[in-house]
Amino acid sequence: KGNRVEYQGIEQVEGATPTNSRSHARTATSASTIWIPSTTSPSES
């Protein structure tokens, strides 16, 4: 899709445990930050 993804470490996300990993996807038109808990699917973006 032409996106760039970067792992940006562990971060506390509101209401979740601090084990969430943070990925960053950037297209030509927008940027998204997606929090992915270590055991489940994305919870916030």
All heavy atoms as atom14 arrays in JSON, in Angstrom:
{
  "sequence": "KGNRVEYQGIEQVEGATPTNSRSHARTATSASTIWIPSTTSPSES",
  "atom14_mask": [
    [1, 1, 1, 1, 1, 1, 1, 1, 1, 0, 0, 0, 0, 0],
    [1, 1, 1, 1, 0, 0, 0, 0, 0, 0, 0, 0, 0, 0],
    [1, 1, 1, 1, 1, 1, 1, 1, 0, 0, 0, 0, 0, 0],
    [1, 1, 1, 1, 1, 1, 1, 1, 1, 1, 1, 0, 0, 0],
    [1, 1, 1, 1, 1, 1, 1, 0, 0, 0, 0, 0, 0, 0],
    [1, 1, 1, 1, 1, 1, 1, 1, 1, 0, 0, 0, 0, 0],
    [1, 1, 1, 1, 1, 1, 1, 1, 1, 1, 1, 1, 0, 0],
    [1, 1, 1, 1, 1, 1, 1, 1, 1, 0, 0, 0, 0, 0],
    [1, 1, 1, 1, 0, 0, 0, 0, 0, 0, 0, 0, 0, 0],
    [1, 1, 1, 1, 1, 1, 1, 1, 0, 0, 0, 0, 0, 0],
    [1, 1, 1, 1, 1, 1, 1, 1, 1, 0, 0, 0, 0, 0],
    [1, 1, 1, 1, 1, 1, 1, 1, 1, 0, 0, 0, 0, 0],
    [1, 1, 1, 1, 1, 1, 1, 0, 0, 0, 0, 0, 0, 0],
    [1, 1, 1, 1, 1, 1, 1, 1, 1, 0, 0, 0, 0, 0],
    [1, 1, 1, 1, 0, 0, 0, 0, 0, 0, 0, 0, 0, 0],
    [1, 1, 1, 1, 1, 0, 0, 0, 0, 0, 0, 0, 0, 0],
    [1, 1, 1, 1, 1, 1, 1, 0, 0, 0, 0, 0, 0, 0],
    [1, 1, 1, 1, 1, 1, 1, 0, 0, 0, 0, 0, 0, 0],
    [1, 1, 1, 1, 1, 1, 1, 0, 0, 0, 0, 0, 0, 0],
    [1, 1, 1, 1, 1, 1, 1, 1, 0, 0, 0, 0, 0, 0],
    [1, 1, 1, 1, 1, 1, 0, 0, 0, 0, 0, 0, 0, 0],
    [1, 1, 1, 1, 1, 1, 1, 1, 1, 1, 1, 0, 0, 0],
    [1, 1, 1, 1, 1, 1, 0, 0, 0, 0, 0, 0, 0, 0],
    [1, 1, 1, 1, 1, 1, 1, 1, 1, 1, 0, 0, 0, 0],
    [1, 1, 1, 1, 1, 0, 0, 0, 0, 0, 0, 0, 0, 0],
    [1, 1, 1, 1, 1, 1, 1, 1, 1, 1, 1, 0, 0, 0],
    [1, 1, 1, 1, 1, 1, 1, 0, 0, 0, 0, 0, 0, 0],
    [1, 1, 1, 1, 1, 0, 0, 0, 0, 0, 0, 0, 0, 0],
    [1, 1, 1, 1, 1, 1, 1, 0, 0, 0, 0, 0, 0, 0],
    [1, 1, 1, 1, 1, 1, 0, 0, 0, 0, 0, 0, 0, 0],
    [1, 1, 1, 1, 1, 0, 0, 0, 0, 0, 0, 0, 0, 0],
    [1, 1, 1, 1, 1, 1, 0, 0, 0, 0, 0, 0, 0, 0],
    [1, 1, 1, 1, 1, 1, 1, 0, 0, 0, 0, 0, 0, 0],
    [1, 1, 1, 1, 1, 1, 1, 1, 0, 0, 0, 0, 0, 0],
    [1, 1, 1, 1, 1, 1, 1, 1, 1, 1, 1, 1, 1, 1],
    [1, 1, 1, 1, 1, 1, 1, 1, 0, 0, 0, 0, 0, 0],
    [1, 1, 1, 1, 1, 1, 1, 0, 0, 0, 0, 0, 0, 0],
    [1, 1, 1, 1, 1, 1, 0, 0, 0, 0, 0, 0, 0, 0],
    [1, 1, 1, 1, 1, 1, 1, 0, 0, 0, 0, 0, 0, 0],
    [1, 1, 1, 1, 1, 1, 1, 0, 0, 0, 0, 0, 0, 0],
    [1, 1, 1, 1, 1, 1, 0, 0, 0, 0, 0, 0, 0, 0],
    [1, 1, 1, 1, 1, 1, 1, 0, 0, 0, 0, 0, 0, 0],
    [1, 1, 1, 1, 1, 1, 0, 0, 0, 0, 0, 0, 0, 0],
    [1, 1, 1, 1, 1, 1, 1, 1, 1, 0, 0, 0, 0, 0],
    [1, 1, 1, 1, 1, 1, 0, 0, 0, 0, 0, 0, 0, 0]
  ],
  "atom14_positions": [
    [[0.81, -1.21, 0.0], [0.0, 0.0, 0.0], [0.85, 1.27, 0.0], [0.32, 2.37, -0.08], [-0.91, 0.02, 1.24], [-1.94, -1.09, 1.26], [-2.69, -1.07, 2.58], [-3.65, -2.22, 2.69], [-4.32, -2.27, 3.99], [0.0, 0.0, 0.0], [0.0, 0.0, 0.0], [0.0, 0.0, 0.0], [0.0, 0.0, 0.0], [0.0, 0.0, 0.0]],
    [[2.16, 1.13, 0.13], [3.03, 2.29, 0.17], [3.12, 2.94, 1.54], [3.54, 4.08, 1.67], [0.0, 0.0, 0.0], [0.0, 0.0, 0.0], [0.0, 0.0, 0.0], [0.0, 0.0, 0.0], [0.0, 0.0, 0.0], [0.0, 0.0, 0.0], [0.0, 0.0, 0.0], [0.0, 0.0, 0.0], [0.0, 0.0, 0.0], [0.0, 0.0, 0.0]],
    [[2.73, 2.21, 2.59], [2.8, 2.73, 3.96], [4.15, 2.42, 4.59], [4.8, 1.45, 4.24], [1.7, 2.11, 4.84], [0.32, 2.49, 4.37], [0.13, 3.42, 3.62], [-0.66, 1.75, 4.83], [0.0, 0.0, 0.0], [0.0, 0.0, 0.0], [0.0, 0.0, 0.0], [0.0, 0.0, 0.0], [0.0, 0.0, 0.0], [0.0, 0.0, 0.0]],
    [[4.53, 3.22, 5.54], [5.75, 3.0, 6.33], [5.3, 2.72, 7.76], [4.46, 3.42, 8.3], [6.63, 4.25, 6.29], [8.01, 4.01, 6.9], [8.87, 5.25, 6.87], [8.48, 6.11, 7.97], [8.13, 7.38, 7.85], [8.11, 7.95, 6.69], [7.79, 8.09, 8.91], [0.0, 0.0, 0.0], [0.0, 0.0, 0.0], [0.0, 0.0, 0.0]],
    [[5.84, 1.69, 8.37], [5.47, 1.32, 9.73], [6.7, 1.35, 10.61], [7.75, 0.85, 10.24], [4.84, -0.1, 9.75], [4.56, -0.54, 11.17], [3.58, -0.12, 8.92], [0.0, 0.0, 0.0], [0.0, 0.0, 0.0], [0.0, 0.0, 0.0], [0.0, 0.0, 0.0], [0.0, 0.0, 0.0], [0.0, 0.0, 0.0], [0.0, 0.0, 0.0]],
    [[6.56, 1.96, 11.78], [7.65, 2.05, 12.75], [7.16, 1.59, 14.11], [6.11, 2.01, 14.55], [8.13, 3.5, 12.89], [8.57, 4.16, 11.61], [8.69, 5.66, 11.76], [8.42, 6.2, 12.86], [9.03, 6.3, 10.76], [0.0, 0.0, 0.0], [0.0, 0.0, 0.0], [0.0, 0.0, 0.0], [0.0, 0.0, 0.0], [0.0, 0.0, 0.0]],
    [[7.93, 0.72, 14.76], [7.63, 0.36, 16.14], [8.14, 1.48, 17.02], [9.27, 1.93, 16.88], [8.32, -0.95, 16.5], [8.17, -1.31, 17.97], [6.95, -1.74, 18.45], [9.23, -1.18, 18.85], [6.8, -2.05, 19.78], [9.09, -1.49, 20.18], [7.86, -1.93, 20.64], [7.7, -2.23, 21.98], [0.0, 0.0, 0.0], [0.0, 0.0, 0.0]],
    [[7.3, 1.96, 17.94], [7.68, 3.11, 18.75], [7.7, 2.8, 20.24], [7.64, 3.7, 21.05], [6.77, 4.29, 18.46], [6.91, 4.76, 17.02], [6.18, 6.05, 16.75], [5.32, 6.47, 17.51], [6.53, 6.67, 15.66], [0.0, 0.0, 0.0], [0.0, 0.0, 0.0], [0.0, 0.0, 0.0], [0.0, 0.0, 0.0], [0.0, 0.0, 0.0]],
    [[7.75, 1.52, 20.61], [7.93, 1.17, 22.01], [6.65, 0.9, 22.76], [5.58, 0.78, 22.2], [0.0, 0.0, 0.0], [0.0, 0.0, 0.0], [0.0, 0.0, 0.0], [0.0, 0.0, 0.0], [0.0, 0.0, 0.0], [0.0, 0.0, 0.0], [0.0, 0.0, 0.0], [0.0, 0.0, 0.0], [0.0, 0.0, 0.0], [0.0, 0.0, 0.0]],
    [[6.79, 0.81, 24.09], [5.69, 0.51, 24.99], [5.11, 1.81, 25.52], [5.85, 2.73, 25.85], [6.19, -0.35, 26.17], [6.88, -1.63, 25.65], [5.05, -0.68, 27.13], [5.99, -2.54, 24.85], [0.0, 0.0, 0.0], [0.0, 0.0, 0.0], [0.0, 0.0, 0.0], [0.0, 0.0, 0.0], [0.0, 0.0, 0.0], [0.0, 0.0, 0.0]],
    [[3.8, 1.87, 25.62], [3.16, 3.09, 26.1], [1.88, 2.73, 26.85], [1.16, 1.83, 26.45], [2.82, 4.0, 24.91], [2.21, 5.31, 25.3], [2.04, 6.22, 24.09], [2.92, 6.24, 23.23], [1.01, 6.9, 24.03], [0.0, 0.0, 0.0], [0.0, 0.0, 0.0], [0.0, 0.0, 0.0], [0.0, 0.0, 0.0], [0.0, 0.0, 0.0]],
    [[1.58, 3.44, 27.9], [0.33, 3.27, 28.64], [-0.79, 3.91, 27.84], [-0.71, 5.07, 27.48], [0.43, 3.94, 30.02], [-0.87, 3.96, 30.79], [-1.23, 2.6, 31.36], [-0.35, 1.84, 31.72], [-2.51, 2.3, 31.42], [0.0, 0.0, 0.0], [0.0, 0.0, 0.0], [0.0, 0.0, 0.0], [0.0, 0.0, 0.0], [0.0, 0.0, 0.0]],
    [[-1.83, 3.14, 27.55], [-3.0, 3.67, 26.85], [-4.13, 3.72, 27.86], [-4.3, 2.8, 28.65], [-3.38, 2.79, 25.65], [-4.68, 3.27, 25.02], [-2.26, 2.82, 24.62], [0.0, 0.0, 0.0], [0.0, 0.0, 0.0], [0.0, 0.0, 0.0], [0.0, 0.0, 0.0], [0.0, 0.0, 0.0], [0.0, 0.0, 0.0], [0.0, 0.0, 0.0]],
    [[-4.89, 4.79, 27.84], [-5.95, 5.01, 28.82], [-6.82, 3.77, 28.99], [-7.35, 3.22, 28.04], [-6.83, 6.18, 28.35], [-7.87, 6.58, 29.34], [-8.63, 7.8, 28.85], [-8.06, 8.65, 28.16], [-9.83, 7.89, 29.17], [0.0, 0.0, 0.0], [0.0, 0.0, 0.0], [0.0, 0.0, 0.0], [0.0, 0.0, 0.0], [0.0, 0.0, 0.0]],
    [[-6.94, 3.3, 30.24], [-7.79, 2.16, 30.55], [-7.2, 0.81, 30.22], [-7.87, -0.19, 30.32], [0.0, 0.0, 0.0], [0.0, 0.0, 0.0], [0.0, 0.0, 0.0], [0.0, 0.0, 0.0], [0.0, 0.0, 0.0], [0.0, 0.0, 0.0], [0.0, 0.0, 0.0], [0.0, 0.0, 0.0], [0.0, 0.0, 0.0], [0.0, 0.0, 0.0]],
    [[-5.94, 0.75, 29.81], [-5.33, -0.53, 29.44], [-4.04, -0.74, 30.22], [-3.53, 0.16, 30.86], [-5.05, -0.55, 27.93], [0.0, 0.0, 0.0], [0.0, 0.0, 0.0], [0.0, 0.0, 0.0], [0.0, 0.0, 0.0], [0.0, 0.0, 0.0], [0.0, 0.0, 0.0], [0.0, 0.0, 0.0], [0.0, 0.0, 0.0], [0.0, 0.0, 0.0]],
    [[-3.52, -1.93, 30.14], [-2.26, -2.22, 30.82], [-1.11, -1.57, 30.06], [-1.23, -1.29, 28.87], [-2.03, -3.74, 30.89], [-1.95, -4.24, 29.56], [-3.17, -4.43, 31.62], [0.0, 0.0, 0.0], [0.0, 0.0, 0.0], [0.0, 0.0, 0.0], [0.0, 0.0, 0.0], [0.0, 0.0, 0.0], [0.0, 0.0, 0.0], [0.0, 0.0, 0.0]],
    [[0.02, -1.37, 30.72], [1.14, -0.69, 30.05], [1.91, -1.58, 29.09], [3.0, -1.25, 28.69], [2.02, -0.25, 31.22], [1.71, -1.18, 32.31], [0.28, -1.58, 32.13], [0.0, 0.0, 0.0], [0.0, 0.0, 0.0], [0.0, 0.0, 0.0], [0.0, 0.0, 0.0], [0.0, 0.0, 0.0], [0.0, 0.0, 0.0], [0.0, 0.0, 0.0]],
    [[1.37, -2.72, 28.67], [2.07, -3.6, 27.74], [1.71, -3.32, 26.29], [2.06, -4.09, 25.41], [1.73, -5.08, 28.06], [0.32, -5.25, 27.96], [2.23, -5.47, 29.42], [0.0, 0.0, 0.0], [0.0, 0.0, 0.0], [0.0, 0.0, 0.0], [0.0, 0.0, 0.0], [0.0, 0.0, 0.0], [0.0, 0.0, 0.0], [0.0, 0.0, 0.0]],
    [[1.02, -2.23, 26.04], [0.63, -1.92, 24.66], [1.83, -1.5, 23.84], [2.61, -0.65, 24.25], [-0.4, -0.79, 24.65], [-1.71, -1.21, 25.24], [-2.22, -2.24, 24.86], [-2.24, -0.45, 26.17], [0.0, 0.0, 0.0], [0.0, 0.0, 0.0], [0.0, 0.0, 0.0], [0.0, 0.0, 0.0], [0.0, 0.0, 0.0], [0.0, 0.0, 0.0]],
    [[1.96, -2.09, 22.66], [3.0, -1.65, 21.74], [2.38, -0.63, 20.8], [1.19, -0.64, 20.55], [3.58, -2.84, 20.97], [2.57, -3.49, 20.25], [0.0, 0.0, 0.0], [0.0, 0.0, 0.0], [0.0, 0.0, 0.0], [0.0, 0.0, 0.0], [0.0, 0.0, 0.0], [0.0, 0.0, 0.0], [0.0, 0.0, 0.0], [0.0, 0.0, 0.0]],
    [[3.21, 0.23, 20.28], [2.7, 1.33, 19.47], [3.34, 1.25, 18.1], [4.55, 1.22, 17.97], [3.06, 2.63, 20.16], [2.54, 3.85, 19.51], [2.91, 5.04, 20.37], [2.54, 6.27, 19.71], [3.08, 7.43, 19.95], [4.04, 7.53, 20.83], [2.69, 8.49, 19.31], [0.0, 0.0, 0.0], [0.0, 0.0, 0.0], [0.0, 0.0, 0.0]],
    [[2.52, 1.21, 17.08], [3.01, 1.2, 15.71], [2.53, 2.46, 15.02], [1.52, 3.03, 15.38], [2.49, -0.03, 14.96], [2.95, -1.19, 15.55], [0.0, 0.0, 0.0], [0.0, 0.0, 0.0], [0.0, 0.0, 0.0], [0.0, 0.0, 0.0], [0.0, 0.0, 0.0], [0.0, 0.0, 0.0], [0.0, 0.0, 0.0], [0.0, 0.0, 0.0]],
    [[3.24, 2.85, 14.01], [2.93, 4.09, 13.32], [2.89, 3.78, 11.83], [3.83, 3.21, 11.31], [4.02, 5.11, 13.63], [3.78, 6.46, 13.09], [3.41, 7.5, 13.89], [3.83, 6.95, 11.85], [3.28, 8.6, 13.16], [3.52, 8.27, 11.91], [0.0, 0.0, 0.0], [0.0, 0.0, 0.0], [0.0, 0.0, 0.0], [0.0, 0.0, 0.0]],
    [[1.81, 4.11, 11.17], [1.71, 3.89, 9.73], [1.5, 5.24, 9.06], [0.7, 6.04, 9.5], [0.54, 2.97, 9.42], [0.0, 0.0, 0.0], [0.0, 0.0, 0.0], [0.0, 0.0, 0.0], [0.0, 0.0, 0.0], [0.0, 0.0, 0.0], [0.0, 0.0, 0.0], [0.0, 0.0, 0.0], [0.0, 0.0, 0.0], [0.0, 0.0, 0.0]],
    [[2.21, 5.47, 8.01], [2.09, 6.75, 7.3], [1.87, 6.48, 5.82], [2.59, 5.74, 5.19], [3.34, 7.59, 7.51], [3.25, 8.97, 6.9], [4.51, 9.78, 7.18], [4.77, 9.94, 8.58], [4.21, 10.87, 9.36], [3.32, 11.69, 8.86], [4.53, 10.96, 10.62], [0.0, 0.0, 0.0], [0.0, 0.0, 0.0], [0.0, 0.0, 0.0]],
    [[0.83, 7.11, 5.28], [0.59, 7.06, 3.84], [0.96, 8.44, 3.29], [1.37, 9.33, 4.03], [-0.89, 6.77, 3.53], [-1.67, 7.88, 3.99], [-1.36, 5.5, 4.2], [0.0, 0.0, 0.0], [0.0, 0.0, 0.0], [0.0, 0.0, 0.0], [0.0, 0.0, 0.0], [0.0, 0.0, 0.0], [0.0, 0.0, 0.0], [0.0, 0.0, 0.0]],
    [[0.77, 8.62, 2.02], [1.06, 9.92, 1.41], [0.09, 10.98, 1.9], [0.37, 12.16, 1.83], [1.0, 9.8, -0.11], [0.0, 0.0, 0.0], [0.0, 0.0, 0.0], [0.0, 0.0, 0.0], [0.0, 0.0, 0.0], [0.0, 0.0, 0.0], [0.0, 0.0, 0.0], [0.0, 0.0, 0.0], [0.0, 0.0, 0.0], [0.0, 0.0, 0.0]],
    [[-1.07, 10.57, 2.42], [-2.1, 11.55, 2.76], [-2.36, 11.69, 4.25], [-2.98, 12.66, 4.66], [-3.43, 11.16, 2.09], [-3.8, 9.86, 2.54], [-3.29, 11.16, 0.58], [0.0, 0.0, 0.0], [0.0, 0.0, 0.0], [0.0, 0.0, 0.0], [0.0, 0.0, 0.0], [0.0, 0.0, 0.0], [0.0, 0.0, 0.0], [0.0, 0.0, 0.0]],
    [[-1.96, 10.74, 5.07], [-2.27, 10.83, 6.49], [-1.3, 9.99, 7.3], [-0.52, 9.23, 6.76], [-3.7, 10.37, 6.76], [-3.82, 8.99, 6.51], [0.0, 0.0, 0.0], [0.0, 0.0, 0.0], [0.0, 0.0, 0.0], [0.0, 0.0, 0.0], [0.0, 0.0, 0.0], [0.0, 0.0, 0.0], [0.0, 0.0, 0.0], [0.0, 0.0, 0.0]],
    [[-1.37, 10.15, 8.6], [-0.57, 9.34, 9.51], [-1.5, 8.76, 10.55], [-2.47, 9.39, 10.95], [0.5, 10.2, 10.18], [0.0, 0.0, 0.0], [0.0, 0.0, 0.0], [0.0, 0.0, 0.0], [0.0, 0.0, 0.0], [0.0, 0.0, 0.0], [0.0, 0.0, 0.0], [0.0, 0.0, 0.0], [0.0, 0.0, 0.0], [0.0, 0.0, 0.0]],
    [[-1.23, 7.53, 10.99], [-2.03, 6.87, 12.01], [-1.11, 6.32, 13.07], [-0.02, 5.86, 12.78], [-2.82, 5.7, 11.42], [-3.68, 6.13, 10.42], [0.0, 0.0, 0.0], [0.0, 0.0, 0.0], [0.0, 0.0, 0.0], [0.0, 0.0, 0.0], [0.0, 0.0, 0.0], [0.0, 0.0, 0.0], [0.0, 0.0, 0.0], [0.0, 0.0, 0.0]],
    [[-1.55, 6.37, 14.3], [-0.86, 5.71, 15.4], [-1.82, 4.67, 15.94], [-2.97, 4.99, 16.24], [-0.46, 6.7, 16.5], [0.37, 7.71, 15.92], [0.28, 5.99, 17.61], [0.0, 0.0, 0.0], [0.0, 0.0, 0.0], [0.0, 0.0, 0.0], [0.0, 0.0, 0.0], [0.0, 0.0, 0.0], [0.0, 0.0, 0.0], [0.0, 0.0, 0.0]],
    [[-1.39, 3.44, 16.03], [-2.25, 2.34, 16.42], [-1.64, 1.65, 17.63], [-0.49, 1.24, 17.6], [-2.41, 1.34, 15.26], [-2.99, 2.06, 14.05], [-3.29, 0.16, 15.68], [-2.9, 1.28, 12.77], [0.0, 0.0, 0.0], [0.0, 0.0, 0.0], [0.0, 0.0, 0.0], [0.0, 0.0, 0.0], [0.0, 0.0, 0.0], [0.0, 0.0, 0.0]],
    [[-2.43, 1.54, 18.71], [-1.96, 0.87, 19.92], [-2.44, -0.57, 19.87], [-3.63, -0.83, 19.75], [-2.5, 1.56, 21.16], [-1.81, 2.86, 21.41], [-0.69, 3.05, 22.15], [-2.18, 4.14, 20.91], [-0.35, 4.38, 22.15], [-1.24, 5.07, 21.39], [-3.22, 4.6, 20.09], [-1.32, 6.42, 21.09], [-3.28, 5.93, 19.8], [-2.33, 6.83, 20.3]],
    [[-1.51, -1.5, 19.98], [-1.84, -2.92, 19.9], [-1.41, -3.59, 21.19], [-0.22, -3.74, 21.46], [-1.12, -3.58, 18.7], [-1.47, -2.84, 17.41], [-1.5, -5.06, 18.61], [-0.67, -3.28, 16.21], [0.0, 0.0, 0.0], [0.0, 0.0, 0.0], [0.0, 0.0, 0.0], [0.0, 0.0, 0.0], [0.0, 0.0, 0.0], [0.0, 0.0, 0.0]],
    [[-2.38, -4.0, 22.02], [-2.01, -4.74, 23.24], [-1.27, -6.01, 22.84], [-1.5, -6.58, 21.78], [-3.35, -5.07, 23.88], [-4.29, -4.05, 23.33], [-3.82, -3.78, 21.93], [0.0, 0.0, 0.0], [0.0, 0.0, 0.0], [0.0, 0.0, 0.0], [0.0, 0.0, 0.0], [0.0, 0.0, 0.0], [0.0, 0.0, 0.0], [0.0, 0.0, 0.0]],
    [[-0.38, -6.47, 23.7], [0.48, -7.61, 23.34], [-0.29, -8.89, 23.11], [0.23, -9.81, 22.5], [1.53, -7.82, 24.44], [0.89, -8.06, 25.67], [0.0, 0.0, 0.0], [0.0, 0.0, 0.0], [0.0, 0.0, 0.0], [0.0, 0.0, 0.0], [0.0, 0.0, 0.0], [0.0, 0.0, 0.0], [0.0, 0.0, 0.0], [0.0, 0.0, 0.0]],
    [[-1.54, -9.0, 23.55], [-2.27, -10.26, 23.41], [-3.55, -10.15, 22.59], [-4.23, -11.14, 22.4], [-2.65, -10.82, 24.79], [-3.43, -9.85, 25.47], [-1.42, -11.15, 25.6], [0.0, 0.0, 0.0], [0.0, 0.0, 0.0], [0.0, 0.0, 0.0], [0.0, 0.0, 0.0], [0.0, 0.0, 0.0], [0.0, 0.0, 0.0], [0.0, 0.0, 0.0]],
    [[-3.93, -8.97, 22.13], [-5.2, -8.83, 21.42], [-5.06, -7.95, 20.19], [-3.97, -7.62, 19.77], [-6.28, -8.22, 22.34], [-5.84, -6.9, 22.72], [-6.51, -9.05, 23.57], [0.0, 0.0, 0.0], [0.0, 0.0, 0.0], [0.0, 0.0, 0.0], [0.0, 0.0, 0.0], [0.0, 0.0, 0.0], [0.0, 0.0, 0.0], [0.0, 0.0, 0.0]],
    [[-6.18, -7.55, 19.64], [-6.24, -6.71, 18.45], [-6.14, -5.24, 18.83], [-6.23, -4.91, 20.0], [-7.55, -6.98, 17.71], [-7.61, -8.32, 17.32], [0.0, 0.0, 0.0], [0.0, 0.0, 0.0], [0.0, 0.0, 0.0], [0.0, 0.0, 0.0], [0.0, 0.0, 0.0], [0.0, 0.0, 0.0], [0.0, 0.0, 0.0], [0.0, 0.0, 0.0]],
    [[-5.97, -4.34, 17.84], [-5.87, -2.91, 18.16], [-7.03, -2.42, 19.0], [-8.18, -2.8, 18.79], [-5.88, -2.24, 16.79], [-5.38, -3.29, 15.85], [-5.87, -4.59, 16.41], [0.0, 0.0, 0.0], [0.0, 0.0, 0.0], [0.0, 0.0, 0.0], [0.0, 0.0, 0.0], [0.0, 0.0, 0.0], [0.0, 0.0, 0.0], [0.0, 0.0, 0.0]],
    [[-6.72, -1.57, 20.0], [-7.75, -1.04, 20.87], [-8.0, 0.44, 20.63], [-9.11, 0.91, 20.82], [-7.37, -1.26, 22.33], [-6.16, -0.6, 22.62], [0.0, 0.0, 0.0], [0.0, 0.0, 0.0], [0.0, 0.0, 0.0], [0.0, 0.0, 0.0], [0.0, 0.0, 0.0], [0.0, 0.0, 0.0], [0.0, 0.0, 0.0], [0.0, 0.0, 0.0]],
    [[-6.99, 1.16, 20.23], [-7.14, 2.6, 19.98], [-6.26, 2.99, 18.81], [-5.23, 2.38, 18.55], [-6.74, 3.42, 21.2], [-7.66, 3.25, 22.37], [-7.61, 4.44, 23.31], [-7.14, 5.51, 22.91], [-8.08, 4.28, 24.43], [0.0, 0.0, 0.0], [0.0, 0.0, 0.0], [0.0, 0.0, 0.0], [0.0, 0.0, 0.0], [0.0, 0.0, 0.0]],
    [[-6.67, 4.04, 18.12], [-5.83, 4.59, 17.07], [-6.08, 6.08, 16.97], [-7.15, 6.57, 17.36], [-6.11, 3.91, 15.72], [-7.4, 4.21, 15.27], [0.0, 0.0, 0.0], [0.0, 0.0, 0.0], [0.0, 0.0, 0.0], [0.0, 0.0, 0.0], [0.0, 0.0, 0.0], [0.0, 0.0, 0.0], [0.0, 0.0, 0.0], [0.0, 0.0, 0.0]]
  ]
}
